[in-house]
Amino acid sequence: MTRWLLVLMLMTTAFYAGGERLAMAASIVEVKSKHESRLLSLPGVISVGIGRDDDGRTVIVIGVRDEVTAKSKDLPEQLEGYPVQVDVIGPVQAQ
């Protein structure tokens, strides 16, 4: 009986610890907001948003002016565990 009680206590502790870790993880909106100004300060970066990739996963989308910028080593592949997608959107002009 004591052994089962110990197993139950360990499982309960692990469950709550895991849930607490998940609650502490930043949302994709928070991560995007945290990195947005730095990303927008990079040459050729026009926009930072949230979208979906071809597989339907939620990603942070960085819009850039051209292919040269899209291949820049300054652009991350992921931010705090969230995947980043780089889209070439071309130059933006006011109308």
Protein backbone atom coordinates (compact mmCIF):
# COMPACT_ATOMS: atom_id res chain seq x y z
CA MET A 1 0.00 0.00 0.00
CA THR A 2 2.78 2.43 0.88
CA ARG A 3 4.50 1.79 -2.44
CA TRP A 4 1.33 2.67 -4.40
CA LEU A 5 0.88 5.82 -2.39
CA LEU A 6 4.46 6.83 -3.19
CA VAL A 7 3.90 6.18 -6.92
CA LEU A 8 0.69 8.21 -6.87
CA MET A 9 2.42 11.11 -5.12
CA LEU A 10 5.28 11.10 -7.64
CA MET A 11 2.86 11.03 -10.58
CA THR A 12 0.84 13.92 -9.14
CA THR A 13 3.96 15.98 -8.52
CA ALA A 14 5.22 15.34 -12.06
CA PHE A 15 1.81 16.28 -13.51
CA TYR A 16 1.65 19.61 -11.70
CA ALA A 17 5.32 20.40 -12.36
CA GLY A 18 4.80 19.76 -16.07
CA GLY A 19 1.68 21.93 -16.14
CA GLU A 20 3.51 24.73 -14.35
CA ARG A 21 6.32 24.61 -16.90
CA LEU A 22 3.81 24.88 -19.73
CA ALA A 23 2.07 27.81 -18.09
CA MET A 24 5.40 29.63 -17.79
CA ALA A 25 6.25 29.27 -21.51
CA ALA A 26 5.77 32.49 -23.48
CA SER A 27 2.98 32.55 -26.06
CA ILE A 28 3.85 33.10 -29.71
CA VAL A 29 2.30 36.58 -29.46
CA GLU A 30 4.58 37.46 -26.55
CA VAL A 31 7.65 36.09 -28.36
CA LYS A 32 6.80 38.03 -31.55
CA SER A 33 6.30 41.24 -29.56
CA LYS A 34 9.55 40.73 -27.66
CA HIS A 35 11.66 40.39 -30.85
CA GLU A 36 9.71 42.58 -33.28
CA SER A 37 11.60 45.88 -32.90
CA ARG A 38 15.00 44.17 -33.19
CA LEU A 39 13.91 42.29 -36.32
CA LEU A 40 12.43 45.41 -37.91
CA SER A 41 15.73 47.23 -37.36
CA LEU A 42 17.53 44.74 -39.64
CA PRO A 43 18.18 45.97 -43.21
CA GLY A 44 15.52 44.73 -45.65
CA VAL A 45 13.03 43.53 -43.00
CA ILE A 46 9.63 45.09 -43.65
CA SER A 47 7.21 43.27 -41.36
CA VAL A 48 6.90 40.79 -38.50
CA GLY A 49 3.69 38.88 -37.94
CA ILE A 50 2.11 35.57 -37.06
CA GLY A 51 0.81 33.16 -39.70
CA ARG A 52 0.65 29.54 -40.75
CA ASP A 53 3.14 27.53 -42.77
CA ASP A 54 2.23 25.06 -45.52
CA ASP A 55 1.65 22.34 -42.90
CA GLY A 56 -0.77 24.53 -40.92
CA ARG A 57 1.62 25.17 -38.01
CA THR A 58 1.53 28.59 -36.39
CA VAL A 59 4.78 30.45 -37.16
CA ILE A 60 6.34 33.86 -36.78
CA VAL A 61 6.47 35.39 -40.25
CA ILE A 62 9.19 37.85 -41.22
CA GLY A 63 8.45 39.82 -44.39
CA VAL A 64 11.53 40.96 -46.32
CA ARG A 65 12.22 43.14 -49.33
CA ASP A 66 14.22 40.68 -51.46
CA GLU A 67 15.90 37.27 -51.77
CA VAL A 68 19.23 38.64 -50.55
CA THR A 69 17.63 39.69 -47.26
CA ALA A 70 15.75 36.37 -47.06
CA LYS A 71 19.09 34.52 -47.05
CA SER A 72 20.63 36.76 -44.38
CA LYS A 73 22.30 34.94 -41.51
CA ASP A 74 20.86 37.61 -39.18
CA LEU A 75 17.35 36.15 -39.60
CA PRO A 76 16.56 33.38 -37.11
CA GLU A 77 15.13 29.98 -38.03
CA GLN A 78 13.24 29.95 -34.72
CA LEU A 79 12.53 32.27 -31.81
CA GLU A 80 12.24 30.78 -28.34
CA GLY A 81 11.13 27.47 -29.81
CA TYR A 82 8.63 28.87 -32.33
CA PRO A 83 9.45 28.33 -36.02
CA VAL A 84 10.14 31.37 -38.22
CA GLN A 85 9.07 31.66 -41.85
CA VAL A 86 10.69 34.28 -44.07
CA ASP A 87 8.53 35.60 -46.93
CA VAL A 88 9.82 37.85 -49.72
CA ILE A 89 7.13 40.52 -50.13
CA GLY A 90 9.07 43.09 -52.13
CA PRO A 91 9.44 46.79 -51.45
CA VAL A 92 6.55 48.60 -49.78
CA GLN A 93 5.45 51.92 -51.26
CA ALA A 94 3.00 54.44 -49.86
CA GLN A 95 0.06 55.23 -52.11
